[in-house]
Amino acid sequence: MKYRYLKNVVTLQMDRNKCNGCGMCLEVCPQQVFIFNDKVSTIADRDACIECGACAKNCPTKAINVRVGVGCAYAVVMDKFNRKSKCCGDACCSLDNIPDQ
């Protein structure tokens, strides 16, 4: 199932000049937000981004920036992995704070 976020509110940004074309963002994005175009990745469906942060965390050139946990995207991801969280948009929401199962 492809989740949709609120239109035009996602914090996802990409600097294509920094992209080395490794394709890691395509590999780790659960929403297929990125496509490969002209030997680099590009954002194809920005509003599908659930701000989980997997793309930015795995980008070796730091070409991707996204504010993890904004809105309720973090809660959606946590629910998908059957993890309970009281956090929804707070500063405590980050991939570094996700507990191991």
N, C-alpha and C. Protein backbone atom coordinates (compact mmCIF):
# COMPACT_ATOMS: atom_id res chain seq x y z
N MET A 1 0.85 -1.18 0.00
CA MET A 1 0.00 0.00 0.00
C MET A 1 0.89 1.24 0.00
N LYS A 2 0.58 2.18 -0.85
CA LYS A 2 1.35 3.41 -0.93
C LYS A 2 0.61 4.51 -0.16
N TYR A 3 1.24 4.98 0.93
CA TYR A 3 0.65 6.05 1.72
C TYR A 3 0.82 7.37 0.99
N ARG A 4 -0.09 8.29 1.22
CA ARG A 4 0.02 9.64 0.70
C ARG A 4 0.07 10.58 1.88
N TYR A 5 0.91 11.56 1.79
CA TYR A 5 1.05 12.56 2.83
C TYR A 5 0.25 13.79 2.42
N LEU A 6 0.19 14.78 3.24
CA LEU A 6 -0.48 16.03 2.88
C LEU A 6 0.25 16.68 1.71
N LYS A 7 -0.48 17.21 0.77
CA LYS A 7 0.11 17.80 -0.43
C LYS A 7 0.97 19.03 -0.11
N ASN A 8 2.15 19.05 -0.68
CA ASN A 8 3.08 20.18 -0.60
C ASN A 8 3.56 20.55 0.80
N VAL A 9 3.65 19.59 1.71
CA VAL A 9 4.17 19.89 3.05
C VAL A 9 5.41 19.08 3.41
N VAL A 10 5.79 18.16 2.58
CA VAL A 10 6.94 17.29 2.86
C VAL A 10 8.23 18.10 2.86
N THR A 11 9.12 17.79 3.79
CA THR A 11 10.38 18.53 3.92
C THR A 11 11.49 17.97 3.04
N LEU A 12 11.21 16.93 2.27
CA LEU A 12 12.21 16.27 1.43
C LEU A 12 12.83 17.23 0.41
N GLN A 13 14.17 17.24 0.38
CA GLN A 13 14.92 18.04 -0.59
C GLN A 13 16.07 17.21 -1.11
N MET A 14 16.44 17.46 -2.37
CA MET A 14 17.57 16.73 -2.95
C MET A 14 18.42 17.67 -3.78
N ASP A 15 19.73 17.56 -3.59
CA ASP A 15 20.68 18.33 -4.39
C ASP A 15 21.26 17.38 -5.43
N ARG A 16 20.73 17.44 -6.64
CA ARG A 16 21.16 16.53 -7.71
C ARG A 16 22.63 16.70 -8.05
N ASN A 17 23.21 17.85 -7.76
CA ASN A 17 24.63 18.08 -8.03
C ASN A 17 25.52 17.23 -7.11
N LYS A 18 25.01 16.85 -5.95
CA LYS A 18 25.77 16.02 -5.02
C LYS A 18 25.56 14.52 -5.28
N CYS A 19 24.52 14.17 -6.02
CA CYS A 19 24.19 12.76 -6.26
C CYS A 19 25.26 12.09 -7.11
N ASN A 20 25.72 10.92 -6.65
CA ASN A 20 26.73 10.17 -7.41
C ASN A 20 26.12 9.04 -8.24
N GLY A 21 24.80 8.92 -8.21
CA GLY A 21 24.12 7.92 -9.02
C GLY A 21 24.17 6.51 -8.46
N CYS A 22 24.42 6.35 -7.17
CA CYS A 22 24.54 5.01 -6.58
C CYS A 22 23.20 4.28 -6.53
N GLY A 23 22.08 5.02 -6.48
CA GLY A 23 20.75 4.42 -6.46
C GLY A 23 20.30 3.91 -5.11
N MET A 24 21.05 4.22 -4.06
CA MET A 24 20.69 3.74 -2.73
C MET A 24 19.31 4.26 -2.30
N CYS A 25 18.98 5.50 -2.65
CA CYS A 25 17.68 6.06 -2.26
C CYS A 25 16.52 5.27 -2.90
N LEU A 26 16.71 4.84 -4.13
CA LEU A 26 15.70 4.02 -4.80
C LEU A 26 15.54 2.69 -4.08
N GLU A 27 16.64 2.16 -3.61
CA GLU A 27 16.66 0.86 -2.95
C GLU A 27 15.95 0.89 -1.59
N VAL A 28 16.16 1.96 -0.81
CA VAL A 28 15.66 1.97 0.57
C VAL A 28 14.31 2.67 0.75
N CYS A 29 13.87 3.44 -0.22
CA CYS A 29 12.61 4.18 -0.07
C CYS A 29 11.41 3.24 -0.14
N PRO A 30 10.61 3.19 0.93
CA PRO A 30 9.44 2.30 0.91
C PRO A 30 8.29 2.83 0.05
N GLN A 31 8.40 4.06 -0.41
CA GLN A 31 7.30 4.69 -1.15
C GLN A 31 7.62 4.95 -2.62
N GLN A 32 8.75 4.52 -3.10
CA GLN A 32 9.16 4.74 -4.49
C GLN A 32 9.09 6.23 -4.88
N VAL A 33 9.63 7.05 -4.02
CA VAL A 33 9.63 8.50 -4.23
C VAL A 33 10.63 8.91 -5.32
N PHE A 34 11.70 8.14 -5.46
CA PHE A 34 12.80 8.50 -6.37
C PHE A 34 12.78 7.69 -7.65
N ILE A 35 13.32 8.28 -8.71
CA ILE A 35 13.58 7.57 -9.96
C ILE A 35 15.00 7.89 -10.39
N PHE A 36 15.52 7.08 -11.28
CA PHE A 36 16.86 7.31 -11.83
C PHE A 36 16.68 8.03 -13.16
N ASN A 37 17.32 9.19 -13.31
CA ASN A 37 17.15 10.00 -14.50
C ASN A 37 18.48 10.69 -14.82
N ASP A 38 18.97 10.53 -16.03
CA ASP A 38 20.24 11.15 -16.46
C ASP A 38 21.40 10.80 -15.53
N LYS A 39 21.49 9.53 -15.16
CA LYS A 39 22.59 8.99 -14.35
C LYS A 39 22.60 9.44 -12.90
N VAL A 40 21.55 10.10 -12.45
CA VAL A 40 21.42 10.49 -11.04
C VAL A 40 19.97 10.25 -10.59
N SER A 41 19.78 10.20 -9.30
CA SER A 41 18.44 10.07 -8.75
C SER A 41 17.73 11.41 -8.76
N THR A 42 16.43 11.35 -8.83
CA THR A 42 15.62 12.56 -8.76
C THR A 42 14.32 12.25 -8.03
N ILE A 43 13.72 13.25 -7.45
CA ILE A 43 12.45 13.07 -6.75
C ILE A 43 11.34 13.02 -7.79
N ALA A 44 10.61 11.91 -7.81
CA ALA A 44 9.54 11.73 -8.79
C ALA A 44 8.16 11.96 -8.19
N ASP A 45 7.99 11.62 -6.90
CA ASP A 45 6.68 11.72 -6.26
C ASP A 45 6.88 12.23 -4.84
N ARG A 46 7.18 13.50 -4.74
CA ARG A 46 7.51 14.13 -3.46
C ARG A 46 6.42 13.95 -2.41
N ASP A 47 5.16 14.07 -2.81
CA ASP A 47 4.07 13.97 -1.84
C ASP A 47 3.84 12.55 -1.33
N ALA A 48 4.50 11.57 -1.93
CA ALA A 48 4.41 10.19 -1.42
C ALA A 48 5.39 9.96 -0.28
N CYS A 49 6.32 10.87 -0.07
CA CYS A 49 7.32 10.74 0.98
C CYS A 49 6.65 10.74 2.35
N ILE A 50 6.99 9.76 3.18
CA ILE A 50 6.44 9.69 4.53
C ILE A 50 7.47 10.14 5.57
N GLU A 51 8.55 10.73 5.09
CA GLU A 51 9.58 11.32 5.94
C GLU A 51 10.17 10.34 6.94
N CYS A 52 10.39 9.12 6.49
CA CYS A 52 11.00 8.11 7.38
C CYS A 52 12.49 8.35 7.53
N GLY A 53 13.12 9.00 6.54
CA GLY A 53 14.53 9.34 6.63
C GLY A 53 15.49 8.29 6.09
N ALA A 54 14.98 7.17 5.59
CA ALA A 54 15.86 6.11 5.10
C ALA A 54 16.75 6.60 3.96
N CYS A 55 16.21 7.41 3.08
CA CYS A 55 16.99 7.90 1.93
C CYS A 55 18.16 8.76 2.39
N ALA A 56 17.91 9.71 3.26
CA ALA A 56 18.95 10.62 3.74
C ALA A 56 19.99 9.87 4.56
N LYS A 57 19.54 8.95 5.39
CA LYS A 57 20.46 8.20 6.25
C LYS A 57 21.40 7.32 5.43
N ASN A 58 20.94 6.84 4.28
CA ASN A 58 21.73 5.94 3.45
C ASN A 58 22.42 6.60 2.27
N CYS A 59 22.25 7.89 2.09
CA CYS A 59 22.88 8.60 0.98
C CYS A 59 24.35 8.88 1.31
N PRO A 60 25.28 8.27 0.55
CA PRO A 60 26.70 8.43 0.88
C PRO A 60 27.24 9.83 0.62
N THR A 61 26.56 10.62 -0.21
CA THR A 61 27.05 11.96 -0.53
C THR A 61 26.26 13.07 0.15
N LYS A 62 25.32 12.69 1.00
CA LYS A 62 24.48 13.67 1.73
C LYS A 62 23.73 14.59 0.76
N ALA A 63 23.26 14.02 -0.36
CA ALA A 63 22.52 14.79 -1.36
C ALA A 63 21.06 14.97 -0.97
N ILE A 64 20.60 14.20 0.00
CA ILE A 64 19.19 14.22 0.39
C ILE A 64 19.04 14.76 1.80
N ASN A 65 18.05 15.60 1.99
CA ASN A 65 17.75 16.17 3.29
C ASN A 65 16.26 16.02 3.53
N VAL A 66 15.90 15.51 4.68
CA VAL A 66 14.49 15.39 5.06
C VAL A 66 14.41 15.47 6.58
N ARG A 67 13.43 16.18 7.06
CA ARG A 67 13.25 16.31 8.51
C ARG A 67 12.42 15.12 8.99
N VAL A 68 13.07 14.16 9.59
CA VAL A 68 12.43 12.92 10.01
C VAL A 68 11.43 13.18 11.12
N GLY A 69 10.25 12.56 10.99
CA GLY A 69 9.26 12.62 12.05
C GLY A 69 8.30 13.79 11.98
N VAL A 70 8.38 14.59 10.95
CA VAL A 70 7.48 15.73 10.83
C VAL A 70 6.05 15.21 10.68
N GLY A 71 5.11 15.91 11.29
CA GLY A 71 3.71 15.48 11.19
C GLY A 71 3.54 14.11 11.79
N CYS A 72 2.76 13.28 11.17
CA CYS A 72 2.49 11.94 11.68
C CYS A 72 3.12 10.85 10.83
N ALA A 73 3.99 11.21 9.91
CA ALA A 73 4.65 10.20 9.07
C ALA A 73 5.42 9.20 9.93
N TYR A 74 6.05 9.70 10.98
CA TYR A 74 6.80 8.82 11.88
C TYR A 74 5.86 7.79 12.51
N ALA A 75 4.70 8.23 12.93
CA ALA A 75 3.73 7.32 13.55
C ALA A 75 3.26 6.26 12.56
N VAL A 76 3.09 6.63 11.31
CA VAL A 76 2.68 5.68 10.27
C VAL A 76 3.75 4.60 10.12
N VAL A 77 5.01 5.02 10.04
CA VAL A 77 6.11 4.07 9.90
C VAL A 77 6.18 3.16 11.12
N MET A 78 6.09 3.73 12.31
CA MET A 78 6.17 2.93 13.52
C MET A 78 5.03 1.91 13.57
N ASP A 79 3.84 2.32 13.16
CA ASP A 79 2.70 1.42 13.14
C ASP A 79 2.92 0.28 12.15
N LYS A 80 3.50 0.60 11.00
CA LYS A 80 3.77 -0.41 9.98
C LYS A 80 4.69 -1.50 10.50
N PHE A 81 5.61 -1.15 11.40
CA PHE A 81 6.54 -2.11 11.98
C PHE A 81 6.07 -2.60 13.35
N ASN A 82 4.79 -2.35 13.66
CA ASN A 82 4.19 -2.79 14.93
C ASN A 82 4.93 -2.29 16.15
N ARG A 83 5.43 -1.07 16.06
CA ARG A 83 6.11 -0.43 17.19
C ARG A 83 5.22 0.70 17.68
N LYS A 84 5.13 0.84 18.96
CA LYS A 84 4.29 1.89 19.55
C LYS A 84 5.16 3.09 19.90
N SER A 85 4.66 4.27 19.59
CA SER A 85 5.40 5.49 19.88
C SER A 85 4.42 6.60 20.23
N LYS A 86 4.76 7.39 21.23
CA LYS A 86 3.95 8.54 21.58
C LYS A 86 4.39 9.77 20.81
N CYS A 87 5.43 9.62 20.05
CA CYS A 87 6.04 10.74 19.35
C CYS A 87 5.36 10.99 18.01
N CYS A 88 5.00 12.20 17.76
CA CYS A 88 4.42 12.57 16.47
C CYS A 88 4.82 14.00 16.16
N GLY A 89 6.02 14.17 15.61
CA GLY A 89 6.47 15.49 15.24
C GLY A 89 7.40 16.15 16.25
N ASP A 90 7.66 15.50 17.38
CA ASP A 90 8.56 16.06 18.37
C ASP A 90 10.01 15.89 17.96
N ALA A 91 10.89 16.60 18.63
CA ALA A 91 12.33 16.49 18.36
C ALA A 91 12.85 15.09 18.67
N CYS A 92 12.13 14.34 19.49
CA CYS A 92 12.59 12.98 19.83
C CYS A 92 12.45 12.03 18.65
N CYS A 93 11.73 12.42 17.63
CA CYS A 93 11.52 11.55 16.46
C CYS A 93 12.73 11.59 15.56
N SER A 94 13.48 10.53 15.55
CA SER A 94 14.59 10.40 14.61
C SER A 94 14.90 8.94 14.46
N LEU A 95 15.50 8.56 13.34
CA LEU A 95 15.84 7.16 13.12
C LEU A 95 16.79 6.64 14.19
N ASP A 96 17.58 7.53 14.78
CA ASP A 96 18.51 7.12 15.82
C ASP A 96 17.79 6.72 17.10
N ASN A 97 16.55 7.16 17.26
CA ASN A 97 15.80 6.88 18.48
C ASN A 97 14.83 5.71 18.34
N ILE A 98 14.82 5.03 17.19
CA ILE A 98 13.94 3.90 17.01
C ILE A 98 14.52 2.72 17.77
N PRO A 99 13.74 2.13 18.67
CA PRO A 99 14.27 1.03 19.47
C PRO A 99 14.43 -0.23 18.63
N ASP A 100 15.44 -1.05 18.97
CA ASP A 100 15.63 -2.34 18.30
C ASP A 100 14.55 -3.30 18.74
N GLN A 101 14.17 -4.19 17.84
CA GLN A 101 13.17 -5.20 18.20
C GLN A 101 13.83 -6.51 18.43
